[in-house]
N, C-alpha and C. Protein backbone atom coordinates (compact mmCIF):
# COMPACT_ATOMS: atom_id res chain seq x y z
N MET A 1 -29.97 66.81 3.96
CA MET A 1 -28.77 67.18 3.82
C MET A 1 -28.60 67.59 2.40
N GLU A 2 -28.12 69.11 2.15
CA GLU A 2 -28.23 69.37 0.77
C GLU A 2 -27.11 69.10 0.11
N THR A 3 -26.86 68.42 -1.42
CA THR A 3 -26.02 68.01 -1.64
C THR A 3 -25.46 68.66 -3.44
N ILE A 4 -24.33 68.73 -3.44
CA ILE A 4 -24.34 69.29 -5.15
C ILE A 4 -22.93 68.03 -6.05
N PRO A 5 -23.33 68.33 -7.05
CA PRO A 5 -22.36 67.82 -7.62
C PRO A 5 -20.75 67.43 -7.55
N LEU A 6 -20.37 66.74 -7.27
CA LEU A 6 -18.96 67.05 -6.91
C LEU A 6 -17.66 66.75 -8.42
N LYS A 7 -16.96 67.58 -8.76
CA LYS A 7 -15.72 67.22 -10.12
C LYS A 7 -14.77 66.44 -9.49
N LEU A 8 -14.76 65.26 -9.76
CA LEU A 8 -13.16 64.45 -9.38
C LEU A 8 -12.20 64.63 -9.83
N ASP A 9 -12.65 65.69 -11.05
CA ASP A 9 -11.75 66.15 -12.21
C ASP A 9 -11.37 67.47 -12.27
N GLY A 10 -11.37 68.62 -11.29
CA GLY A 10 -11.49 70.14 -11.88
C GLY A 10 -12.01 70.25 -10.49
N TYR A 11 -12.59 71.85 -10.63
CA TYR A 11 -13.35 72.59 -9.50
C TYR A 11 -14.60 72.35 -9.21
N THR A 12 -15.06 72.56 -8.08
CA THR A 12 -16.68 72.65 -7.35
C THR A 12 -16.84 73.47 -6.85
N ASP A 13 -17.50 74.73 -7.41
CA ASP A 13 -17.94 75.76 -6.63
C ASP A 13 -18.92 75.21 -5.50
N LEU A 14 -18.66 75.84 -4.07
CA LEU A 14 -19.41 75.61 -2.73
C LEU A 14 -20.46 76.56 -2.53
N PRO A 15 -21.31 76.46 -2.45
CA PRO A 15 -22.45 77.36 -1.93
C PRO A 15 -21.96 78.28 -1.08
N PRO A 16 -22.88 79.87 -0.78
CA PRO A 16 -21.76 80.58 0.06
C PRO A 16 -22.32 80.32 1.47
N GLY A 17 -21.28 80.93 2.49
CA GLY A 17 -21.12 80.40 3.40
C GLY A 17 -20.56 78.69 4.02
N LYS A 18 -19.82 78.03 3.04
CA LYS A 18 -19.36 76.95 3.21
C LYS A 18 -17.83 77.25 2.97
N ILE A 19 -17.28 76.49 3.68
CA ILE A 19 -16.00 76.14 3.47
C ILE A 19 -15.67 74.56 3.56
N ALA A 20 -14.37 74.49 3.12
CA ALA A 20 -13.86 72.80 2.26
C ALA A 20 -12.60 72.81 2.93
N ASN A 21 -12.05 71.57 3.32
CA ASN A 21 -10.83 71.20 3.45
C ASN A 21 -10.60 69.95 3.14
N VAL A 22 -9.22 69.17 2.68
CA VAL A 22 -8.82 68.04 2.87
C VAL A 22 -8.21 67.71 3.36
N VAL A 23 -8.83 66.30 4.14
CA VAL A 23 -8.61 65.71 5.23
C VAL A 23 -7.46 64.43 4.96
N THR A 24 -6.70 64.28 5.63
CA THR A 24 -6.07 63.17 5.62
C THR A 24 -5.79 62.42 6.70
N TYR A 25 -5.95 61.04 6.21
CA TYR A 25 -6.64 59.84 7.45
C TYR A 25 -4.99 59.14 7.77
N LEU A 26 -4.47 59.09 8.75
CA LEU A 26 -3.11 58.12 9.05
C LEU A 26 -3.19 57.20 10.01
N GLU A 27 -2.61 56.55 10.12
CA GLU A 27 -2.79 55.13 11.06
C GLU A 27 -1.64 54.21 11.65
N LEU A 28 -1.64 54.02 12.47
CA LEU A 28 -0.35 52.76 12.80
C LEU A 28 -0.77 51.34 12.96
N THR A 29 -0.12 50.42 12.75
CA THR A 29 -0.77 49.12 13.08
C THR A 29 0.35 48.36 13.79
N GLU A 30 1.27 49.36 14.65
CA GLU A 30 2.03 48.78 15.85
C GLU A 30 2.58 49.98 16.60
N ARG A 31 2.86 50.07 17.70
CA ARG A 31 3.42 51.14 18.41
C ARG A 31 5.22 51.10 17.87
N PRO A 32 5.14 52.37 17.54
CA PRO A 32 6.97 52.73 17.00
C PRO A 32 7.99 52.71 18.49
N ALA A 33 9.02 52.77 18.30
CA ALA A 33 9.96 52.74 19.35
C ALA A 33 9.87 54.22 19.73
N PRO A 34 9.58 54.00 21.30
CA PRO A 34 9.74 55.52 21.93
C PRO A 34 10.68 56.61 21.17
N THR A 35 10.32 57.33 21.53
CA THR A 35 11.58 58.22 20.71
C THR A 35 11.69 59.60 21.73
N PRO A 36 12.06 59.45 23.25
CA PRO A 36 11.63 60.37 24.54
C PRO A 36 12.77 61.35 24.09
N PRO A 37 12.60 63.28 24.45
CA PRO A 37 13.45 64.04 23.80
C PRO A 37 14.27 64.07 25.01
N ALA A 38 15.37 65.02 25.21
CA ALA A 38 16.71 65.40 25.80
C ALA A 38 16.28 65.69 27.48
N ASP A 39 14.72 66.31 27.25
CA ASP A 39 14.67 67.40 28.30
C ASP A 39 12.71 66.81 28.26
N THR A 40 12.36 66.29 29.47
CA THR A 40 10.65 66.04 29.75
C THR A 40 10.16 67.53 29.75
N GLY A 41 10.86 68.54 30.54
CA GLY A 41 10.13 69.74 30.41
C GLY A 41 9.33 69.68 31.84
N GLY A 42 9.31 68.43 32.51
CA GLY A 42 8.44 68.56 33.84
C GLY A 42 6.86 68.68 33.61
N TYR A 43 6.86 68.12 32.53
CA TYR A 43 5.41 67.25 31.83
C TYR A 43 4.64 66.36 32.49
N ASP A 44 3.71 66.51 33.23
CA ASP A 44 2.88 64.84 33.79
C ASP A 44 2.25 64.79 32.88
N ILE A 45 1.55 63.66 32.30
CA ILE A 45 0.64 62.87 31.26
C ILE A 45 -0.06 62.17 32.12
N HIS A 46 -1.28 62.28 32.32
CA HIS A 46 -2.31 61.49 33.08
C HIS A 46 -3.85 61.12 32.13
N LYS A 47 -4.15 59.86 32.19
CA LYS A 47 -5.90 60.01 31.91
C LYS A 47 -6.77 60.79 32.89
N VAL A 48 -7.50 61.87 32.45
CA VAL A 48 -8.54 62.62 33.24
C VAL A 48 -9.55 61.71 33.93
N ASP A 49 -9.72 61.44 35.02
CA ASP A 49 -11.19 60.63 35.89
C ASP A 49 -11.97 61.73 35.78
N HIS A 50 -13.32 61.16 35.29
CA HIS A 50 -14.49 62.16 35.14
C HIS A 50 -14.41 63.25 35.01
N PRO A 51 -13.53 63.59 33.40
CA PRO A 51 -13.74 65.10 32.93
C PRO A 51 -15.04 65.66 32.78
N SER A 52 -14.76 66.88 33.33
CA SER A 52 -16.04 68.00 33.27
C SER A 52 -16.03 68.37 31.73
N PRO A 53 -17.42 68.06 31.44
CA PRO A 53 -17.58 68.73 30.27
C PRO A 53 -16.96 70.05 29.75
N ASP A 54 -17.54 71.13 30.69
CA ASP A 54 -17.09 72.72 30.74
C ASP A 54 -15.52 72.60 30.60
N TRP A 55 -14.99 71.91 30.91
CA TRP A 55 -13.35 72.12 31.00
C TRP A 55 -13.23 71.45 29.93
N TYR A 56 -13.24 70.71 29.42
CA TYR A 56 -13.21 70.24 27.68
C TYR A 56 -13.61 70.80 26.85
N ARG A 57 -15.07 71.49 26.91
CA ARG A 57 -15.08 72.20 26.27
C ARG A 57 -14.32 73.70 26.19
N ALA A 58 -13.77 74.06 27.05
CA ALA A 58 -12.72 75.36 27.37
C ALA A 58 -11.88 74.95 26.95
N ILE A 59 -11.02 73.79 26.89
CA ILE A 59 -9.49 73.59 26.47
C ILE A 59 -9.55 73.27 25.38
N ILE A 60 -10.67 72.61 24.88
CA ILE A 60 -10.56 72.55 23.38
C ILE A 60 -10.96 73.47 22.42
N SER A 61 -11.41 74.24 23.04
CA SER A 61 -11.68 75.65 22.04
C SER A 61 -10.58 76.63 22.01
N ARG A 62 -9.57 76.37 23.65
CA ARG A 62 -8.16 77.45 23.26
C ARG A 62 -7.36 76.20 22.83
N ILE A 63 -7.31 75.08 22.54
CA ILE A 63 -6.28 75.04 21.90
C ILE A 63 -6.95 75.31 20.07
N GLY A 64 -8.00 74.64 19.93
CA GLY A 64 -8.33 74.61 18.37
C GLY A 64 -8.93 75.78 17.92
N ALA A 65 -9.16 76.60 18.06
CA ALA A 65 -10.13 77.94 17.52
C ALA A 65 -9.23 78.23 16.38
N GLU A 66 -8.04 78.54 16.36
CA GLU A 66 -7.17 78.78 15.45
C GLU A 66 -7.21 78.13 14.36
N TRP A 67 -7.83 76.64 14.69
CA TRP A 67 -8.24 76.11 13.02
C TRP A 67 -9.37 75.44 13.06
N LEU A 68 -10.27 76.17 14.02
CA LEU A 68 -11.46 76.26 13.63
C LEU A 68 -11.92 74.74 14.19
N TRP A 69 -11.73 74.21 15.03
CA TRP A 69 -12.27 73.04 15.88
C TRP A 69 -13.41 73.27 16.55
N VAL A 70 -14.28 72.91 16.05
CA VAL A 70 -15.96 73.29 16.43
C VAL A 70 -16.59 72.24 16.59
N HIS A 71 -16.20 71.07 16.71
CA HIS A 71 -17.12 69.73 16.66
C HIS A 71 -17.16 69.99 18.61
N ILE A 72 -16.78 69.94 19.02
CA ILE A 72 -16.49 70.11 20.56
C ILE A 72 -17.07 71.00 20.75
N PRO A 73 -17.05 72.17 20.88
CA PRO A 73 -17.10 73.72 21.40
C PRO A 73 -18.78 73.94 20.91
N LEU A 74 -19.07 73.18 19.49
CA LEU A 74 -20.75 73.22 19.37
C LEU A 74 -21.66 72.14 19.98
N MET A 75 -20.78 71.19 20.42
CA MET A 75 -21.53 69.78 20.50
C MET A 75 -22.92 70.09 21.76
N PRO A 76 -23.93 69.83 21.36
CA PRO A 76 -25.03 69.88 22.18
C PRO A 76 -24.47 69.54 24.02
N GLN A 77 -24.79 70.40 24.64
CA GLN A 77 -24.10 69.70 26.50
C GLN A 77 -25.11 68.43 26.73
N PRO A 78 -25.83 67.92 26.25
CA PRO A 78 -26.63 66.37 26.69
C PRO A 78 -25.42 65.35 26.42
N GLU A 79 -24.89 65.96 24.60
CA GLU A 79 -24.39 64.79 23.68
C GLU A 79 -23.09 64.44 24.51
N LEU A 80 -22.55 65.97 24.97
CA LEU A 80 -20.92 66.12 25.34
C LEU A 80 -21.09 65.43 26.81
N GLU A 81 -21.84 65.66 27.62
CA GLU A 81 -21.63 65.00 29.21
C GLU A 81 -21.77 63.78 28.97
N ALA A 82 -22.54 62.78 27.74
CA ALA A 82 -22.55 61.80 27.69
C ALA A 82 -21.13 61.00 27.25
N LEU A 83 -20.50 61.87 26.58
CA LEU A 83 -19.30 61.51 25.81
C LEU A 83 -18.46 61.45 26.81
N MET A 84 -18.65 62.51 27.52
CA MET A 84 -17.57 62.54 28.76
C MET A 84 -17.75 61.09 29.97
N ARG A 85 -18.76 60.28 30.06
CA ARG A 85 -19.23 59.17 30.92
C ARG A 85 -19.05 58.00 30.07
N ASN A 86 -18.46 58.08 28.75
CA ASN A 86 -18.49 57.02 28.02
C ASN A 86 -17.14 56.30 28.40
N PRO A 87 -17.69 55.03 29.21
CA PRO A 87 -16.17 54.12 29.53
C PRO A 87 -15.23 54.30 28.29
N ASP A 88 -15.85 53.99 27.04
CA ASP A 88 -14.92 53.87 25.87
C ASP A 88 -13.94 54.92 25.40
N VAL A 89 -14.36 56.21 26.06
CA VAL A 89 -13.64 57.55 25.59
C VAL A 89 -12.94 58.09 26.92
N GLU A 90 -11.68 58.05 26.34
CA GLU A 90 -10.70 58.75 27.35
C GLU A 90 -10.30 60.04 27.04
N ILE A 91 -9.69 60.52 28.09
CA ILE A 91 -8.96 61.91 27.64
C ILE A 91 -7.77 61.78 28.41
N HIS A 92 -6.65 62.55 27.92
CA HIS A 92 -5.52 62.09 28.62
C HIS A 92 -4.86 63.62 28.57
N ALA A 93 -4.60 64.42 29.77
CA ALA A 93 -3.94 65.57 29.64
C ALA A 93 -2.72 65.61 29.76
N LEU A 94 -2.03 66.77 29.08
CA LEU A 94 -0.76 67.08 29.57
C LEU A 94 -0.51 68.07 30.34
N GLU A 95 0.01 68.32 31.32
CA GLU A 95 0.08 69.47 32.71
C GLU A 95 1.71 69.50 32.81
N ARG A 96 1.64 70.83 33.00
CA ARG A 96 2.99 71.20 33.75
C ARG A 96 2.58 72.15 34.89
N ASP A 97 3.14 72.13 35.89
CA ASP A 97 2.77 73.31 37.18
C ASP A 97 1.49 73.22 37.67
N GLY A 98 0.46 72.07 37.16
CA GLY A 98 -1.03 72.23 37.16
C GLY A 98 -1.66 72.83 36.68
N GLU A 99 -1.03 73.32 35.47
CA GLU A 99 -1.84 74.01 34.52
C GLU A 99 -2.12 72.84 33.25
N THR A 100 -3.17 72.59 32.60
CA THR A 100 -3.38 71.93 31.45
C THR A 100 -2.87 72.63 29.98
N LEU A 101 -1.97 71.96 29.45
CA LEU A 101 -1.28 72.57 28.03
C LEU A 101 -1.65 71.49 26.91
N GLY A 102 -1.99 70.43 26.96
CA GLY A 102 -2.86 69.91 25.92
C GLY A 102 -3.49 68.39 26.15
N VAL A 103 -4.16 68.51 25.72
CA VAL A 103 -5.52 67.09 25.42
C VAL A 103 -5.74 65.96 24.50
N ALA A 104 -5.76 65.08 24.60
CA ALA A 104 -5.92 64.13 23.78
C ALA A 104 -7.22 63.01 23.90
N GLU A 105 -7.92 63.03 22.75
CA GLU A 105 -9.06 61.77 23.14
C GLU A 105 -9.19 60.74 22.64
N LEU A 106 -9.27 59.84 23.36
CA LEU A 106 -9.18 58.40 22.70
C LEU A 106 -10.15 57.69 22.61
N ASP A 107 -10.68 57.27 21.60
CA ASP A 107 -12.11 56.25 21.39
C ASP A 107 -11.86 54.99 21.14
N ARG A 108 -12.43 53.98 21.93
CA ARG A 108 -12.37 52.71 21.84
C ARG A 108 -13.06 52.35 21.47
N ARG A 109 -14.35 52.25 20.86
CA ARG A 109 -15.59 51.99 20.87
C ARG A 109 -15.65 51.33 19.61
N GLN A 110 -14.85 50.91 18.65
CA GLN A 110 -15.04 49.90 17.99
C GLN A 110 -13.56 48.83 18.54
N PRO A 111 -14.08 47.74 18.62
CA PRO A 111 -12.98 46.51 19.22
C PRO A 111 -11.85 46.39 18.07
N GLY A 112 -10.67 46.48 19.21
CA GLY A 112 -9.08 46.45 18.30
C GLY A 112 -8.69 47.76 17.73
N GLU A 113 -9.62 48.87 17.81
CA GLU A 113 -9.24 50.03 16.97
C GLU A 113 -9.42 51.18 18.21
N VAL A 114 -8.11 52.03 18.28
CA VAL A 114 -8.14 53.39 19.00
C VAL A 114 -8.42 54.62 18.10
N GLU A 115 -9.30 55.33 18.02
CA GLU A 115 -9.39 56.92 17.10
C GLU A 115 -8.54 57.60 18.06
N ILE A 116 -7.83 58.45 17.61
CA ILE A 116 -7.33 59.74 18.34
C ILE A 116 -8.16 60.51 17.67
N VAL A 117 -9.51 60.98 18.62
CA VAL A 117 -10.07 62.20 17.93
C VAL A 117 -9.74 63.55 17.75
N MET A 118 -9.23 63.66 19.05
CA MET A 118 -8.77 64.95 19.63
C MET A 118 -7.53 64.67 19.82
N PHE A 119 -6.33 65.66 19.52
CA PHE A 119 -4.77 65.84 19.66
C PHE A 119 -4.41 67.16 19.68
N GLY A 120 -3.95 67.96 20.77
CA GLY A 120 -2.98 69.25 20.16
C GLY A 120 -3.05 69.70 21.69
N VAL A 121 -1.91 71.01 21.68
CA VAL A 121 -1.18 71.54 22.84
C VAL A 121 -1.90 72.79 22.32
N VAL A 122 -1.67 73.89 23.81
CA VAL A 122 -2.59 75.05 23.74
C VAL A 122 -1.48 76.10 22.76
N PRO A 123 -1.73 77.42 21.93
CA PRO A 123 -0.91 78.04 21.20
C PRO A 123 0.37 78.50 22.09
N GLU A 124 0.63 78.66 23.20
CA GLU A 124 1.67 79.36 23.77
C GLU A 124 2.64 77.76 23.86
N ALA A 125 2.46 76.48 24.09
CA ALA A 125 3.23 75.29 23.93
C ALA A 125 3.82 74.92 22.66
N VAL A 126 3.15 75.31 21.89
CA VAL A 126 3.55 75.01 20.28
C VAL A 126 5.12 75.38 19.92
N GLY A 127 5.44 74.30 19.53
CA GLY A 127 7.55 74.29 19.50
C GLY A 127 8.24 73.97 20.57
N SER A 128 7.32 73.54 21.34
CA SER A 128 8.30 73.59 23.08
C SER A 128 8.50 71.73 23.31
N GLY A 129 7.94 70.78 22.46
CA GLY A 129 8.25 69.87 23.05
C GLY A 129 6.92 69.40 23.69
N ALA A 130 6.06 70.05 24.11
CA ALA A 130 5.11 69.28 24.82
C ALA A 130 4.19 68.57 23.89
N ALA A 131 4.16 69.00 22.71
CA ALA A 131 2.86 68.16 21.66
C ALA A 131 3.88 66.63 21.24
N HIS A 132 5.20 66.41 21.36
CA HIS A 132 5.66 65.39 21.26
C HIS A 132 5.69 64.45 22.81
N ARG A 133 6.09 65.08 23.69
CA ARG A 133 5.85 63.95 24.87
C ARG A 133 4.18 64.07 24.96
N LEU A 134 3.09 64.63 24.81
CA LEU A 134 2.03 64.33 24.78
C LEU A 134 1.55 62.99 23.48
N MET A 135 2.21 62.89 22.57
CA MET A 135 1.93 61.97 21.85
C MET A 135 2.66 60.59 22.32
N GLN A 136 3.95 60.85 22.84
CA GLN A 136 4.82 59.66 23.16
C GLN A 136 3.38 58.93 24.61
N GLY A 137 3.22 59.75 25.22
CA GLY A 137 1.79 59.51 26.17
C GLY A 137 0.74 58.64 25.76
N VAL A 138 0.24 59.40 24.83
CA VAL A 138 -1.07 58.99 23.97
C VAL A 138 -0.53 57.48 23.10
N LEU A 139 0.34 57.38 22.86
CA LEU A 139 0.66 55.72 21.64
C LEU A 139 0.91 55.19 23.32
N ASP A 140 1.58 55.08 24.15
CA ASP A 140 1.42 54.23 25.45
C ASP A 140 0.00 53.95 25.66
N ALA A 141 -0.62 54.66 25.61
CA ALA A 141 -2.07 54.69 26.54
C ALA A 141 -3.14 53.52 25.30
N ALA A 142 -2.53 53.89 23.88
CA ALA A 142 -3.88 53.44 23.05
C ALA A 142 -2.92 52.10 22.78
N PHE A 143 -2.02 51.85 22.79
CA PHE A 143 -1.54 50.26 22.23
C PHE A 143 -1.71 49.60 23.57
N ARG A 144 -2.43 48.68 23.61
CA ARG A 144 -2.76 47.45 24.31
C ARG A 144 -2.87 46.39 23.41
N PRO A 145 -2.54 45.15 24.50
CA PRO A 145 -2.65 44.09 23.65
C PRO A 145 -3.30 43.51 22.19
N ASP A 146 -4.88 43.70 22.67
CA ASP A 146 -5.65 43.72 21.67
C ASP A 146 -5.72 44.61 20.57
N THR A 147 -4.96 45.64 20.42
CA THR A 147 -4.87 46.94 19.63
C THR A 147 -4.21 46.48 18.35
N ARG A 148 -5.10 46.71 17.12
CA ARG A 148 -4.77 46.22 15.96
C ARG A 148 -4.21 47.35 15.43
N ARG A 149 -4.75 48.43 15.79
CA ARG A 149 -4.85 49.74 14.71
C ARG A 149 -5.12 51.20 15.37
N VAL A 150 -4.01 52.13 15.53
CA VAL A 150 -4.41 53.29 15.93
C VAL A 150 -4.60 53.98 14.94
N TRP A 151 -5.18 55.00 14.53
CA TRP A 151 -5.78 56.47 13.61
C TRP A 151 -6.40 57.44 14.30
N LEU A 152 -6.10 58.77 13.48
CA LEU A 152 -6.57 59.64 13.28
C LEU A 152 -6.82 60.46 11.78
N HIS A 153 -6.93 61.81 11.83
CA HIS A 153 -6.87 63.04 11.03
C HIS A 153 -6.76 63.90 11.20
N THR A 154 -6.01 64.30 9.87
CA THR A 154 -5.80 66.27 10.08
C THR A 154 -6.62 66.46 8.59
N CYS A 155 -6.55 67.56 8.77
CA CYS A 155 -6.70 68.45 7.50
C CYS A 155 -6.00 70.03 7.10
N THR A 156 -6.17 70.35 6.17
CA THR A 156 -5.87 71.63 5.54
C THR A 156 -6.05 72.68 6.65
N ASN A 157 -7.25 72.92 7.32
CA ASN A 157 -7.51 73.79 8.02
C ASN A 157 -6.33 73.88 9.34
N ASP A 158 -5.73 72.50 9.28
CA ASP A 158 -4.98 72.60 10.83
C ASP A 158 -3.61 72.97 10.57
N HIS A 159 -3.12 73.31 12.25
CA HIS A 159 -1.55 73.26 12.35
C HIS A 159 -0.68 73.06 10.56
N PRO A 160 -0.31 74.03 10.38
CA PRO A 160 0.68 73.26 8.77
C PRO A 160 1.94 72.31 9.34
N ALA A 161 2.31 72.43 10.44
CA ALA A 161 3.03 71.08 10.81
C ALA A 161 2.37 69.78 11.31
N ALA A 162 1.22 70.01 11.50
CA ALA A 162 0.30 68.76 12.01
C ALA A 162 0.61 67.64 11.22
N LEU A 163 0.59 67.77 9.85
CA LEU A 163 0.87 66.36 9.02
C LEU A 163 2.02 65.63 9.48
N ARG A 164 3.05 66.83 8.91
CA ARG A 164 4.69 66.08 9.11
C ARG A 164 4.74 65.29 10.84
N PHE A 165 4.32 66.18 11.72
CA PHE A 165 4.36 65.80 13.12
C PHE A 165 3.59 64.35 13.10
N TYR A 166 2.43 64.11 12.83
CA TYR A 166 2.06 62.69 12.46
C TYR A 166 2.52 61.45 11.96
N GLN A 167 3.54 62.06 10.73
CA GLN A 167 4.18 61.39 10.28
C GLN A 167 5.62 60.94 10.72
N ARG A 168 6.11 61.97 11.26
CA ARG A 168 7.16 61.20 12.44
C ARG A 168 6.92 60.49 13.49
N ALA A 169 5.33 60.92 13.99
CA ALA A 169 5.32 60.11 14.99
C ALA A 169 5.23 58.53 14.61
N GLY A 170 5.06 58.11 13.43
CA GLY A 170 4.87 57.11 12.96
C GLY A 170 3.94 56.84 12.31
N PHE A 171 3.11 57.43 11.89
CA PHE A 171 1.68 57.19 10.91
C PHE A 171 1.69 57.37 9.58
N ARG A 172 0.97 56.46 8.82
CA ARG A 172 1.24 56.50 7.35
C ARG A 172 -0.08 57.04 6.92
N PRO A 173 -0.28 57.68 6.10
CA PRO A 173 -1.33 58.04 5.51
C PRO A 173 -1.98 56.96 4.58
N TYR A 174 -3.38 57.03 4.51
CA TYR A 174 -4.06 55.82 3.76
C TYR A 174 -5.34 56.32 3.01
N LYS A 175 -5.69 57.44 3.51
CA LYS A 175 -6.78 57.95 2.72
C LYS A 175 -6.85 59.47 2.53
N PHE A 176 -7.77 60.00 1.61
CA PHE A 176 -8.08 61.34 1.63
C PHE A 176 -9.60 61.62 1.89
N ALA A 177 -10.32 62.92 1.95
CA ALA A 177 -11.19 62.78 2.12
C ALA A 177 -11.58 64.40 1.80
N ILE A 178 -12.67 64.70 1.46
CA ILE A 178 -13.10 66.65 1.47
C ILE A 178 -14.28 66.90 2.79
N GLU A 179 -14.11 67.58 3.15
CA GLU A 179 -14.91 68.05 4.34
C GLU A 179 -15.31 68.93 3.73
N VAL A 180 -17.19 69.50 4.06
CA VAL A 180 -17.82 70.55 3.74
C VAL A 180 -18.12 71.05 4.87
N MET A 181 -18.74 72.49 5.26
CA MET A 181 -19.12 72.51 6.70
C MET A 181 -19.18 74.29 6.53
N ASP A 182 -20.26 74.91 7.50
CA ASP A 182 -20.55 75.89 7.75
C ASP A 182 -19.50 76.92 7.96
N ASP A 183 -19.15 77.89 7.90
CA ASP A 183 -18.26 78.64 8.45
C ASP A 183 -18.69 79.10 9.62
N PRO A 184 -18.27 78.65 10.85
CA PRO A 184 -18.88 79.03 12.05
C PRO A 184 -18.45 80.68 12.11
N ARG A 185 -17.55 81.44 11.62
CA ARG A 185 -17.45 82.65 11.71
C ARG A 185 -18.54 83.05 11.75
N LEU A 186 -19.34 82.91 10.27
CA LEU A 186 -20.23 83.99 10.07
C LEU A 186 -21.74 83.75 10.58
N THR A 187 -21.66 82.37 11.53
CA THR A 187 -22.64 82.22 11.87
C THR A 187 -22.75 82.82 13.62
N GLY A 188 -21.44 83.38 13.93
CA GLY A 188 -21.01 84.06 15.42
C GLY A 188 -20.59 82.50 16.21
N ALA A 189 -20.68 81.58 15.91
CA ALA A 189 -20.15 80.39 16.72
C ALA A 189 -18.70 80.74 17.37
N ILE A 190 -18.07 81.43 16.61
CA ILE A 190 -16.53 81.14 17.16
C ILE A 190 -16.05 82.94 16.36
N SER A 191 -14.97 83.45 17.23
CA SER A 191 -14.96 85.09 16.42
C SER A 191 -14.30 84.96 14.79
N ASP A 192 -15.05 86.11 14.18
CA ASP A 192 -14.65 86.36 12.46
C ASP A 192 -13.08 86.00 12.37
N GLU A 193 -12.05 86.63 13.64
CA GLU A 193 -10.77 87.04 13.69
C GLU A 193 -10.19 85.32 13.89
N ALA A 194 -10.86 84.70 14.22
CA ALA A 194 -10.09 83.50 14.06
C ALA A 194 -10.15 82.49 12.89
N ALA A 195 -8.76 81.45 12.82
CA ALA A 195 -8.18 81.21 11.59
C ALA A 195 -7.86 82.18 10.38
N PRO A 196 -7.12 83.16 10.62
CA PRO A 196 -7.01 83.96 9.40
C PRO A 196 -6.38 83.55 8.00
N HIS A 197 -5.79 82.27 8.84
CA HIS A 197 -5.35 81.65 7.00
C HIS A 197 -6.63 80.92 6.21
N ILE A 198 -7.76 81.42 6.85
CA ILE A 198 -8.88 80.83 5.88
C ILE A 198 -9.81 82.11 5.65
N PRO A 199 -9.76 82.50 4.59
CA PRO A 199 -10.55 83.88 4.59
C PRO A 199 -12.08 83.83 4.74
N VAL A 200 -12.75 84.69 4.92
CA VAL A 200 -14.10 84.68 5.70
C VAL A 200 -14.39 85.48 4.44
N ILE A 201 -15.45 85.25 3.48
CA ILE A 201 -16.32 85.05 2.69
C ILE A 201 -17.59 85.54 2.78
N ARG A 202 -17.92 86.59 2.78
CA ARG A 202 -19.62 86.99 2.95
C ARG A 202 -20.44 87.60 1.71
N THR A 203 -21.40 87.07 1.65
CA THR A 203 -22.23 86.85 0.63
C THR A 203 -22.58 88.35 0.42
N LYS A 204 -22.73 89.49 -0.87
CA LYS A 204 -22.81 90.80 -1.10
C LYS A 204 -24.32 90.21 -0.71
N SER A 205 -24.83 91.75 -0.03
CA SER A 205 -26.12 92.12 0.28
C SER A 205 -27.14 92.39 -1.06
């Protein structure tokens, strides 16, 4: 893995083709009091039994392409199939009229902890209350008698309202990190029109 010195007080130039974002980690150590919306919106939230890897890849791409969510879309098929079979990994779906509008991935592989690895709703459901309903269902599922901590992370590539949404749900920030990655738009992994809030910088020929 290529490395470069990081200035902890100032700016660090990145190699061509790389992008960076600031990651905020947040946690809950107890279940907040639920805050149900006035209108349930006809949503159904349930754990998906035997989720199809292709279905999961497709819904994550639909939710996250705008925010450069590439971990699941670019995951090798055998690895994704193993993830979907893991009994300590849960996929919860938010549906209305039979259509999946949001998903959350819960990872229980660390005893006493639950990581919300993925969380989001499709673009057309943003601002509708769907994310609130999904979060309430996810927290209900995450907190068991042996759960000491539920945690997640968001980043500056993500939806601009994401951090405040998690804080309103009761999560407390506890750590920052810097993530550096290849720009997937330059490799053709996703459309170069995705994530217009993050400039595509091409090297000069």
